[in-house]
Amino acid sequence: MDSISFNSKILLFGEYGIMHDSDALSIPYKKFNGFLSKSDLLSEDQKISNRNLESLYEYITQEEYLNDIINSDNLKEEIDSGLYFDSNIPIGSGLGSSGALVSSVISRYSKVDIKSFSNSELKKIMSLVESKFHGNSSGFDPAVSYFNKPMIYSNQKIKPIDKIAFKDFKVYIIDSQIVSSTKKMIKTFEDKMSDSEFRFFFNSKFINNNNQCIEHIINTSELFRNSVKELSKETFNNFQEMIPEKIKHKWKEGIKNDSYYMKLCGSGGGGFFLAYDFDNQINSSFSEFKFYQI
């Protein structure tokens, strides 16, 4: 089966804020990827993937707009012939496993030439398909996987950008070894937004700080270190539900030592977490964790 591989993604900035019109910045990550494949004899894991695709097919057929875009008959035919998503992207990790799957399905089964869509139109389609998995999706993750380029989301538009330079620091993803549910974390966030004090903090200070981080990292500004440190502190103080206990003391340690600064990598709750390392402390500070430099 001739199928294109789609990479995982790493959301450098924009978690939760992207649902409230903040900027977001994400990059593809080639270490983890997935592609559609078929087998006459499915393994147990492949059977689970096949059933997930069956569920996605049923969701698509119930959405009139998607029926005009995606050839659900072809999708169903291949599902019945043993279609599955062959992926090494950890599920519930914040690395966009569902985004890569959505990109694969849209790429293979689109009735129309995807290139005829604007980026905003494609994002709308991807948002609607991925909402099957998360309940509320921005469509940004699948777009990063589909274009396989760093992408910025700003003013409700997405566009690819040039390679991002990590000047005077290194970036790592730290594996908490805890599976997280994005849908559950989004529900937790929505509950937090019902509190007026948190909502004011988020819509003013948090989003402003997030956007500053993006501006500074893109422009390789010396102000980036201070802005990401502030974002790390704000996240720790206001998103406790999204940070596992085994990560919390490491998070505080980085801020206290002024050496590295952690943040969520997606919805949080488990999976991977980001660390911006300015003083080469990750190897010693996270020796009991799996981590990867990006």
C-alpha atoms as a PDB file:
ATOM      1  CA  MET A   1       0.000   0.000   0.000  1.00  0.00           C
ATOM      2  CA  ASP A   2       1.535   3.265  -1.165  1.00  0.00           C
ATOM      3  CA  SER A   3       0.918   5.571   1.774  1.00  0.00           C
ATOM      4  CA  ILE A   4       2.653   8.752   2.882  1.00  0.00           C
ATOM      5  CA  SER A   5       4.223   8.947   6.345  1.00  0.00           C
ATOM      6  CA  PHE A   6       3.221  11.863   8.578  1.00  0.00           C
ATOM      7  CA  ASN A   7       5.373  13.118  11.425  1.00  0.00           C
ATOM      8  CA  SER A   8       4.418  13.870  15.001  1.00  0.00           C
ATOM      9  CA  LYS A   9       4.449  17.474  16.154  1.00  0.00           C
ATOM     10  CA  ILE A  10       5.740  19.460  19.094  1.00  0.00           C
ATOM     11  CA  LEU A  11       3.681  22.457  20.153  1.00  0.00           C
ATOM     12  CA  LEU A  12       6.348  24.868  21.340  1.00  0.00           C
ATOM     13  CA  PHE A  13       3.805  27.492  22.409  1.00  0.00           C
ATOM     14  CA  GLY A  14       0.050  27.916  22.338  1.00  0.00           C
ATOM     15  CA  GLU A  15      -1.477  25.155  24.477  1.00  0.00           C
ATOM     16  CA  TYR A  16      -5.080  26.002  25.380  1.00  0.00           C
ATOM     17  CA  GLY A  17      -4.590  29.588  24.244  1.00  0.00           C
ATOM     18  CA  ILE A  18      -5.075  28.543  20.635  1.00  0.00           C
ATOM     19  CA  MET A  19      -8.729  27.902  21.501  1.00  0.00           C
ATOM     20  CA  HIS A  20      -8.985  31.530  22.609  1.00  0.00           C
ATOM     21  CA  ASP A  21      -7.228  33.223  19.689  1.00  0.00           C
ATOM     22  CA  SER A  22      -3.717  33.318  21.109  1.00  0.00           C
ATOM     23  CA  ASP A  23      -0.793  32.718  18.785  1.00  0.00           C
ATOM     24  CA  ALA A  24       0.674  29.232  18.540  1.00  0.00           C
ATOM     25  CA  LEU A  25       3.937  27.805  17.240  1.00  0.00           C
ATOM     26  CA  SER A  26       4.484  24.154  16.383  1.00  0.00           C
ATOM     27  CA  ILE A  27       7.138  22.086  14.618  1.00  0.00           C
ATOM     28  CA  PRO A  28       7.128  18.594  13.066  1.00  0.00           C
ATOM     29  CA  TYR A  29       9.177  15.977  14.904  1.00  0.00           C
ATOM     30  CA  LYS A  30      10.549  13.213  12.698  1.00  0.00           C
ATOM     31  CA  LYS A  31      11.480  10.759  15.449  1.00  0.00           C
ATOM     32  CA  PHE A  32       7.837   9.654  15.684  1.00  0.00           C
ATOM     33  CA  ASN A  33       5.586   9.182  12.653  1.00  0.00           C
ATOM     34  CA  GLY A  34       2.798   7.073  11.208  1.00  0.00           C
ATOM     35  CA  PHE A  35       1.220   5.972   7.936  1.00  0.00           C
ATOM     36  CA  LEU A  36      -1.819   4.058   6.725  1.00  0.00           C
ATOM     37  CA  SER A  37      -1.246   0.400   5.905  1.00  0.00           C
ATOM     38  CA  LYS A  38      -3.255  -2.774   5.272  1.00  0.00           C
ATOM     39  CA  SER A  39      -2.895  -6.393   6.339  1.00  0.00           C
ATOM     40  CA  ASP A  40      -4.901  -9.571   5.776  1.00  0.00           C
ATOM     41  CA  LEU A  41      -3.921 -10.761   9.246  1.00  0.00           C
ATOM     42  CA  LEU A  42      -4.079  -7.965  11.808  1.00  0.00           C
ATOM     43  CA  SER A  43      -2.284  -8.130  15.151  1.00  0.00           C
ATOM     44  CA  GLU A  44      -4.182  -7.164  18.297  1.00  0.00           C
ATOM     45  CA  ASP A  45      -2.801  -3.614  18.209  1.00  0.00           C
ATOM     46  CA  GLN A  46      -3.621  -3.349  14.520  1.00  0.00           C
ATOM     47  CA  LYS A  47      -7.175  -4.522  15.205  1.00  0.00           C
ATOM     48  CA  ILE A  48      -7.572  -1.697  17.737  1.00  0.00           C
ATOM     49  CA  SER A  49      -6.346   0.789  15.141  1.00  0.00           C
ATOM     50  CA  ASN A  50      -8.717  -0.707  12.559  1.00  0.00           C
ATOM     51  CA  ARG A  51     -11.664  -0.295  14.949  1.00  0.00           C
ATOM     52  CA  ASN A  52     -10.642   3.311  15.622  1.00  0.00           C
ATOM     53  CA  LEU A  53     -10.689   3.964  11.883  1.00  0.00           C
ATOM     54  CA  GLU A  54     -14.135   2.341  11.692  1.00  0.00           C
ATOM     55  CA  SER A  55     -15.326   4.733  14.392  1.00  0.00           C
ATOM     56  CA  LEU A  56     -13.794   7.666  12.503  1.00  0.00           C
ATOM     57  CA  TYR A  57     -15.556   6.536   9.324  1.00  0.00           C
ATOM     58  CA  GLU A  58     -18.917   6.505  11.140  1.00  0.00           C
ATOM     59  CA  TYR A  59     -18.234   9.998  12.478  1.00  0.00           C
ATOM     60  CA  ILE A  60     -17.354  11.298   8.999  1.00  0.00           C
ATOM     61  CA  THR A  61     -20.531   9.891   7.444  1.00  0.00           C
ATOM     62  CA  GLN A  62     -22.603  11.812   9.991  1.00  0.00           C
ATOM     63  CA  GLU A  63     -20.986  15.135   9.040  1.00  0.00           C
ATOM     64  CA  GLU A  64     -22.502  16.453   5.791  1.00  0.00           C
ATOM     65  CA  TYR A  65     -19.638  18.873   5.204  1.00  0.00           C
ATOM     66  CA  LEU A  66     -17.022  16.122   5.538  1.00  0.00           C
ATOM     67  CA  ASN A  67     -18.958  13.833   3.204  1.00  0.00           C
ATOM     68  CA  ASP A  68     -18.394  16.408   0.465  1.00  0.00           C
ATOM     69  CA  ILE A  69     -14.647  16.351   1.157  1.00  0.00           C
ATOM     70  CA  ILE A  70     -13.745  12.767   2.073  1.00  0.00           C
ATOM     71  CA  ASN A  71     -14.500   9.665   0.035  1.00  0.00           C
ATOM     72  CA  SER A  72     -16.024   7.664   2.865  1.00  0.00           C
ATOM     73  CA  ASP A  73     -16.912   4.746   0.573  1.00  0.00           C
ATOM     74  CA  ASN A  74     -13.250   4.167  -0.289  1.00  0.00           C
ATOM     75  CA  LEU A  75     -12.304   4.582   3.360  1.00  0.00           C
ATOM     76  CA  LYS A  76     -14.874   1.986   4.424  1.00  0.00           C
ATOM     77  CA  GLU A  77     -13.776  -0.443   1.707  1.00  0.00           C
ATOM     78  CA  GLU A  78     -10.164  -0.307   2.871  1.00  0.00           C
ATOM     79  CA  ILE A  79     -11.131  -0.543   6.543  1.00  0.00           C
ATOM     80  CA  ASP A  80     -12.958  -3.773   5.704  1.00  0.00           C
ATOM     81  CA  SER A  81      -9.796  -4.939   3.902  1.00  0.00           C
ATOM     82  CA  GLY A  82      -7.622  -4.521   7.003  1.00  0.00           C
ATOM     83  CA  LEU A  83      -6.685  -0.840   7.072  1.00  0.00           C
ATOM     84  CA  TYR A  84      -4.794   0.379  10.140  1.00  0.00           C
ATOM     85  CA  PHE A  85      -2.521   3.246  11.170  1.00  0.00           C
ATOM     86  CA  ASP A  86       1.072   2.017  11.484  1.00  0.00           C
ATOM     87  CA  SER A  87       2.518   4.467  13.995  1.00  0.00           C
ATOM     88  CA  ASN A  88       5.219   4.763  16.640  1.00  0.00           C
ATOM     89  CA  ILE A  89       3.774   8.048  17.956  1.00  0.00           C
ATOM     90  CA  PRO A  90       2.924   7.460  21.626  1.00  0.00           C
ATOM     91  CA  ILE A  91      -0.804   7.851  22.228  1.00  0.00           C
ATOM     92  CA  GLY A  92      -1.836  10.318  24.932  1.00  0.00           C
ATOM     93  CA  SER A  93       1.610  11.898  24.881  1.00  0.00           C
ATOM     94  CA  GLY A  94       1.004  15.382  23.473  1.00  0.00           C
ATOM     95  CA  LEU A  95       2.917  14.593  20.274  1.00  0.00           C
ATOM     96  CA  GLY A  96      -0.053  14.664  17.920  1.00  0.00           C
ATOM     97  CA  SER A  97      -0.836  11.008  17.252  1.00  0.00           C
ATOM     98  CA  SER A  98      -4.396  11.895  16.221  1.00  0.00           C
ATOM     99  CA  GLY A  99      -3.124  14.809  14.127  1.00  0.00           C
ATOM    100  CA  ALA A 100      -0.886  12.510  12.090  1.00  0.00           C
ATOM    101  CA  LEU A 101      -3.782  10.076  11.636  1.00  0.00           C
ATOM    102  CA  VAL A 102      -6.140  12.839  10.503  1.00  0.00           C
ATOM    103  CA  SER A 103      -3.544  14.090   8.006  1.00  0.00           C
ATOM    104  CA  SER A 104      -3.144  10.562   6.660  1.00  0.00           C
ATOM    105  CA  VAL A 105      -6.880  10.060   6.166  1.00  0.00           C
ATOM    106  CA  ILE A 106      -7.460  13.457   4.546  1.00  0.00           C
ATOM    107  CA  SER A 107      -4.443  13.054   2.287  1.00  0.00           C
ATOM    108  CA  ARG A 108      -5.476   9.600   1.055  1.00  0.00           C
ATOM    109  CA  TYR A 109      -9.260   9.894   0.855  1.00  0.00           C
ATOM    110  CA  SER A 110      -9.921  13.479  -0.135  1.00  0.00           C
ATOM    111  CA  LYS A 111     -12.337  13.761  -3.072  1.00  0.00           C
ATOM    112  CA  VAL A 112     -10.820  17.074  -4.106  1.00  0.00           C
ATOM    113  CA  ASP A 113      -7.322  18.392  -4.638  1.00  0.00           C
ATOM    114  CA  ILE A 114      -6.150  19.479  -1.189  1.00  0.00           C
ATOM    115  CA  LYS A 115      -3.880  22.050  -2.835  1.00  0.00           C
ATOM    116  CA  SER A 116      -6.982  23.923  -3.985  1.00  0.00           C
ATOM    117  CA  PHE A 117      -7.821  24.791  -0.371  1.00  0.00           C
ATOM    118  CA  SER A 118      -6.412  27.767   1.446  1.00  0.00           C
ATOM    119  CA  ASN A 119      -4.550  27.027   4.665  1.00  0.00           C
ATOM    120  CA  SER A 120      -7.539  28.309   6.635  1.00  0.00           C
ATOM    121  CA  GLU A 121      -9.959  26.051   4.766  1.00  0.00           C
ATOM    122  CA  LEU A 122      -7.729  23.035   5.276  1.00  0.00           C
ATOM    123  CA  LYS A 123      -7.421  23.868   8.966  1.00  0.00           C
ATOM    124  CA  LYS A 124     -11.233  23.956   9.208  1.00  0.00           C
ATOM    125  CA  ILE A 125     -11.510  20.488   7.680  1.00  0.00           C
ATOM    126  CA  MET A 126      -8.790  19.102   9.927  1.00  0.00           C
ATOM    127  CA  SER A 127     -10.373  20.702  12.981  1.00  0.00           C
ATOM    128  CA  LEU A 128     -13.687  19.027  12.259  1.00  0.00           C
ATOM    129  CA  VAL A 129     -12.149  15.579  11.682  1.00  0.00           C
ATOM    130  CA  GLU A 130      -9.855  15.722  14.726  1.00  0.00           C
ATOM    131  CA  SER A 131     -12.733  16.837  16.941  1.00  0.00           C
ATOM    132  CA  LYS A 132     -13.802  13.185  16.783  1.00  0.00           C
ATOM    133  CA  PHE A 133     -10.870  12.425  19.092  1.00  0.00           C
ATOM    134  CA  HIS A 134     -10.634  15.512  21.314  1.00  0.00           C
ATOM    135  CA  GLY A 135     -14.124  16.948  21.401  1.00  0.00           C
ATOM    136  CA  ASN A 136     -12.678  20.366  20.559  1.00  0.00           C
ATOM    137  CA  SER A 137      -9.787  20.639  18.113  1.00  0.00           C
ATOM    138  CA  SER A 138      -8.117  23.676  16.590  1.00  0.00           C
ATOM    139  CA  GLY A 139      -6.972  21.631  13.577  1.00  0.00           C
ATOM    140  CA  PHE A 140      -3.464  22.994  14.093  1.00  0.00           C
ATOM    141  CA  ASP A 141      -1.798  19.645  14.903  1.00  0.00           C
ATOM    142  CA  PRO A 142      -2.912  17.920  11.687  1.00  0.00           C
ATOM    143  CA  ALA A 143      -1.811  20.971   9.681  1.00  0.00           C
ATOM    144  CA  VAL A 144       1.728  20.728  11.072  1.00  0.00           C
ATOM    145  CA  SER A 145       1.854  17.015  10.228  1.00  0.00           C
ATOM    146  CA  TYR A 146       0.378  17.573   6.784  1.00  0.00           C
ATOM    147  CA  PHE A 147       2.704  20.392   5.694  1.00  0.00           C
ATOM    148  CA  ASN A 148       5.680  18.925   7.611  1.00  0.00           C
ATOM    149  CA  LYS A 149       6.965  22.414   8.341  1.00  0.00           C
ATOM    150  CA  PRO A 150       7.094  24.712  11.364  1.00  0.00           C
ATOM    151  CA  MET A 151       3.744  26.472  11.495  1.00  0.00           C
ATOM    152  CA  ILE A 152       2.559  29.609  13.214  1.00  0.00           C
ATOM    153  CA  TYR A 153      -1.050  30.352  14.062  1.00  0.00           C
ATOM    154  CA  SER A 154      -1.862  34.041  14.416  1.00  0.00           C
ATOM    155  CA  ASN A 155      -4.986  36.156  13.854  1.00  0.00           C
ATOM    156  CA  GLN A 156      -6.939  32.932  13.201  1.00  0.00           C
ATOM    157  CA  LYS A 157      -4.681  32.083  10.248  1.00  0.00           C
ATOM    158  CA  ILE A 158      -1.942  29.495   9.853  1.00  0.00           C
ATOM    159  CA  LYS A 159       1.166  29.747   7.735  1.00  0.00           C
ATOM    160  CA  PRO A 160       4.449  27.852   7.373  1.00  0.00           C
ATOM    161  CA  ILE A 161       7.624  29.574   8.504  1.00  0.00           C
ATOM    162  CA  ASP A 162      11.343  29.022   8.079  1.00  0.00           C
ATOM    163  CA  LYS A 163      13.310  26.771  10.372  1.00  0.00           C
ATOM    164  CA  ILE A 164      13.420  28.041  13.955  1.00  0.00           C
ATOM    165  CA  ALA A 165      16.852  28.629  15.457  1.00  0.00           C
ATOM    166  CA  PHE A 166      17.381  27.623  19.091  1.00  0.00           C
ATOM    167  CA  LYS A 167      19.929  30.284  20.003  1.00  0.00           C
ATOM    168  CA  ASP A 168      21.945  29.796  23.221  1.00  0.00           C
ATOM    169  CA  PHE A 169      19.642  27.065  24.524  1.00  0.00           C
ATOM    170  CA  LYS A 170      18.514  23.509  23.828  1.00  0.00           C
ATOM    171  CA  VAL A 171      14.984  22.141  23.773  1.00  0.00           C
ATOM    172  CA  TYR A 172      14.002  18.728  25.116  1.00  0.00           C
ATOM    173  CA  ILE A 173      10.859  16.702  25.523  1.00  0.00           C
ATOM    174  CA  ILE A 174      10.662  14.831  28.832  1.00  0.00           C
ATOM    175  CA  ASP A 175       8.610  11.627  29.018  1.00  0.00           C
ATOM    176  CA  SER A 176       6.473  11.536  32.179  1.00  0.00           C
ATOM    177  CA  GLN A 177       5.547   7.911  31.340  1.00  0.00           C
ATOM    178  CA  ILE A 178       1.931   8.762  32.182  1.00  0.00           C
ATOM    179  CA  VAL A 179      -0.807   8.412  29.560  1.00  0.00           C
ATOM    180  CA  SER A 180      -3.024  11.474  29.346  1.00  0.00           C
ATOM    181  CA  SER A 181      -6.458  12.122  27.871  1.00  0.00           C
ATOM    182  CA  THR A 182      -6.586  15.328  25.837  1.00  0.00           C
ATOM    183  CA  LYS A 183     -10.382  15.332  25.979  1.00  0.00           C
ATOM    184  CA  LYS A 184     -10.268  15.125  29.796  1.00  0.00           C
ATOM    185  CA  MET A 185      -7.680  17.885  30.071  1.00  0.00           C
ATOM    186  CA  ILE A 186      -9.683  20.163  27.759  1.00  0.00           C
ATOM    187  CA  LYS A 187     -12.729  19.600  29.966  1.00  0.00           C
ATOM    188  CA  THR A 188     -10.618  20.511  33.027  1.00  0.00           C
ATOM    189  CA  PHE A 189      -9.459  23.687  31.310  1.00  0.00           C
ATOM    190  CA  GLU A 190     -12.999  24.649  30.320  1.00  0.00           C
ATOM    191  CA  ASP A 191     -14.065  24.205  33.946  1.00  0.00           C
ATOM    192  CA  LYS A 192     -11.216  26.482  35.039  1.00  0.00           C
ATOM    193  CA  MET A 193     -12.300  29.105  32.512  1.00  0.00           C
ATOM    194  CA  SER A 194     -15.688  29.301  34.238  1.00  0.00           C
ATOM    195  CA  ASP A 195     -13.883  30.981  37.144  1.00  0.00           C
ATOM    196  CA  SER A 196     -13.748  34.721  36.475  1.00  0.00           C
ATOM    197  CA  GLU A 197     -10.384  35.237  38.199  1.00  0.00           C
ATOM    198  CA  PHE A 198      -8.665  32.498  36.206  1.00  0.00           C
ATOM    199  CA  ARG A 199     -10.361  33.668  32.992  1.00  0.00           C
ATOM    200  CA  PHE A 200      -9.046  37.212  33.491  1.00  0.00           C
ATOM    201  CA  PHE A 201      -5.522  35.896  34.151  1.00  0.00           C
ATOM    202  CA  PHE A 202      -5.610  33.627  31.130  1.00  0.00           C
ATOM    203  CA  ASN A 203      -7.056  36.092  28.616  1.00  0.00           C
ATOM    204  CA  SER A 204      -4.744  38.889  29.636  1.00  0.00           C
ATOM    205  CA  LYS A 205      -1.473  37.834  31.220  1.00  0.00           C
ATOM    206  CA  PHE A 206      -1.054  34.231  30.033  1.00  0.00           C
ATOM    207  CA  ILE A 207      -1.925  34.798  26.382  1.00  0.00           C
ATOM    208  CA  ASN A 208       0.186  37.956  26.248  1.00  0.00           C
ATOM    209  CA  ASN A 209       3.186  36.097  27.689  1.00  0.00           C
ATOM    210  CA  ASN A 210       2.651  33.186  25.291  1.00  0.00           C
ATOM    211  CA  ASN A 211       2.626  35.542  22.307  1.00  0.00           C
ATOM    212  CA  GLN A 212       5.783  37.255  23.527  1.00  0.00           C
ATOM    213  CA  CYS A 213       7.571  33.902  23.724  1.00  0.00           C
ATOM    214  CA  ILE A 214       6.672  33.190  20.102  1.00  0.00           C
ATOM    215  CA  GLU A 215       7.792  36.625  18.946  1.00  0.00           C
ATOM    216  CA  HIS A 216      11.086  36.342  20.825  1.00  0.00           C
ATOM    217  CA  ILE A 217      11.975  32.821  19.707  1.00  0.00           C
ATOM    218  CA  ILE A 218      11.206  33.559  16.048  1.00  0.00           C
ATOM    219  CA  ASN A 219      13.333  36.705  16.145  1.00  0.00           C
ATOM    220  CA  THR A 220      16.100  35.006  18.229  1.00  0.00           C
ATOM    221  CA  SER A 221      15.721  37.802  20.761  1.00  0.00           C
ATOM    222  CA  GLU A 222      17.740  37.850  23.981  1.00  0.00           C
ATOM    223  CA  LEU A 223      14.424  38.532  25.716  1.00  0.00           C
ATOM    224  CA  PHE A 224      13.319  34.954  25.057  1.00  0.00           C
ATOM    225  CA  ARG A 225      14.896  33.550  28.216  1.00  0.00           C
ATOM    226  CA  ASN A 226      12.962  35.922  30.475  1.00  0.00           C
ATOM    227  CA  SER A 227       9.690  35.420  28.614  1.00  0.00           C
ATOM    228  CA  VAL A 228       9.839  31.604  28.701  1.00  0.00           C
ATOM    229  CA  LYS A 229      10.830  31.681  32.376  1.00  0.00           C
ATOM    230  CA  GLU A 230       7.791  33.825  33.163  1.00  0.00           C
ATOM    231  CA  LEU A 231       5.541  31.511  31.155  1.00  0.00           C
ATOM    232  CA  SER A 232       6.924  28.505  33.030  1.00  0.00           C
ATOM    233  CA  LYS A 233       6.162  30.183  36.375  1.00  0.00           C
ATOM    234  CA  GLU A 234       2.654  31.201  35.285  1.00  0.00           C
ATOM    235  CA  THR A 235       1.883  27.715  34.029  1.00  0.00           C
ATOM    236  CA  PHE A 236       3.115  26.086  37.231  1.00  0.00           C
ATOM    237  CA  ASN A 237       1.095  28.430  39.423  1.00  0.00           C
ATOM    238  CA  ASN A 238      -2.132  28.191  37.454  1.00  0.00           C
ATOM    239  CA  PHE A 239      -2.216  24.776  35.735  1.00  0.00           C
ATOM    240  CA  GLN A 240      -1.483  22.435  38.629  1.00  0.00           C
ATOM    241  CA  GLU A 241      -4.075  19.920  37.412  1.00  0.00           C
ATOM    242  CA  MET A 242      -2.109  19.480  34.183  1.00  0.00           C
ATOM    243  CA  ILE A 243       1.245  18.712  35.854  1.00  0.00           C
ATOM    244  CA  PRO A 244       1.849  15.212  37.333  1.00  0.00           C
ATOM    245  CA  GLU A 245       3.389  15.057  40.796  1.00  0.00           C
ATOM    246  CA  LYS A 246       6.578  13.402  39.516  1.00  0.00           C
ATOM    247  CA  ILE A 247       7.137  16.403  37.207  1.00  0.00           C
ATOM    248  CA  LYS A 248       6.271  19.183  39.658  1.00  0.00           C
ATOM    249  CA  HIS A 249       9.477  19.111  41.701  1.00  0.00           C
ATOM    250  CA  LYS A 250      11.575  19.081  38.525  1.00  0.00           C
ATOM    251  CA  TRP A 251       9.570  22.032  37.222  1.00  0.00           C
ATOM    252  CA  LYS A 252      10.236  24.023  40.420  1.00  0.00           C
ATOM    253  CA  GLU A 253      13.892  23.024  40.440  1.00  0.00           C
ATOM    254  CA  GLY A 254      14.488  24.520  36.996  1.00  0.00           C
ATOM    255  CA  ILE A 255      12.925  27.844  37.961  1.00  0.00           C
ATOM    256  CA  LYS A 256      14.732  27.956  41.308  1.00  0.00           C
ATOM    257  CA  ASN A 257      18.146  27.203  39.784  1.00  0.00           C
ATOM    258  CA  ASP A 258      17.445  29.509  36.837  1.00  0.00           C
ATOM    259  CA  SER A 259      18.870  26.857  34.521  1.00  0.00           C
ATOM    260  CA  TYR A 260      15.975  25.331  32.568  1.00  0.00           C
ATOM    261  CA  TYR A 261      12.288  26.159  32.268  1.00  0.00           C
ATOM    262  CA  MET A 262       9.492  23.653  31.723  1.00  0.00           C
ATOM    263  CA  LYS A 263       6.118  24.017  30.066  1.00  0.00           C
ATOM    264  CA  LEU A 264       3.270  21.883  28.833  1.00  0.00           C
ATOM    265  CA  CYS A 265       3.675  20.048  25.546  1.00  0.00           C
ATOM    266  CA  GLY A 266       0.062  20.016  24.419  1.00  0.00           C
ATOM    267  CA  SER A 267      -2.736  19.479  26.920  1.00  0.00           C
ATOM    268  CA  GLY A 268      -0.579  18.145  29.762  1.00  0.00           C
ATOM    269  CA  GLY A 269      -1.783  15.727  32.425  1.00  0.00           C
ATOM    270  CA  GLY A 270       0.864  13.247  31.311  1.00  0.00           C
ATOM    271  CA  GLY A 271       2.751  12.387  28.158  1.00  0.00           C
ATOM    272  CA  PHE A 272       5.702  14.613  27.291  1.00  0.00           C
ATOM    273  CA  PHE A 273       6.680  17.967  28.753  1.00  0.00           C
ATOM    274  CA  LEU A 274       8.954  20.593  27.237  1.00  0.00           C
ATOM    275  CA  ALA A 275      12.164  21.850  28.803  1.00  0.00           C
ATOM    276  CA  TYR A 276      14.119  24.847  27.552  1.00  0.00           C
ATOM    277  CA  ASP A 277      17.652  24.270  28.810  1.00  0.00           C
ATOM    278  CA  PHE A 278      19.985  27.274  29.012  1.00  0.00           C
ATOM    279  CA  ASP A 279      22.760  25.795  31.177  1.00  0.00           C
ATOM    280  CA  ASN A 280      23.073  22.163  30.016  1.00  0.00           C
ATOM    281  CA  GLN A 281      21.316  20.777  33.095  1.00  0.00           C
ATOM    282  CA  ILE A 282      18.920  18.282  31.518  1.00  0.00           C
ATOM    283  CA  ASN A 283      21.243  15.271  31.460  1.00  0.00           C
ATOM    284  CA  SER A 284      21.901  15.470  35.202  1.00  0.00           C
ATOM    285  CA  SER A 285      18.494  16.750  36.340  1.00  0.00           C
ATOM    286  CA  PHE A 286      16.397  14.189  34.431  1.00  0.00           C
ATOM    287  CA  SER A 287      18.596  11.104  34.620  1.00  0.00           C
ATOM    288  CA  GLU A 288      15.639   8.951  35.774  1.00  0.00           C
ATOM    289  CA  PHE A 289      13.464  10.039  32.822  1.00  0.00           C
ATOM    290  CA  LYS A 290      13.491   9.333  29.120  1.00  0.00           C
ATOM    291  CA  PHE A 291      14.101  12.543  27.228  1.00  0.00           C
ATOM    292  CA  TYR A 292      14.899  13.601  23.681  1.00  0.00           C
ATOM    293  CA  GLN A 293      16.547  16.697  22.306  1.00  0.00           C
ATOM    294  CA  ILE A 294      14.663  18.367  19.456  1.00  0.00           C
END
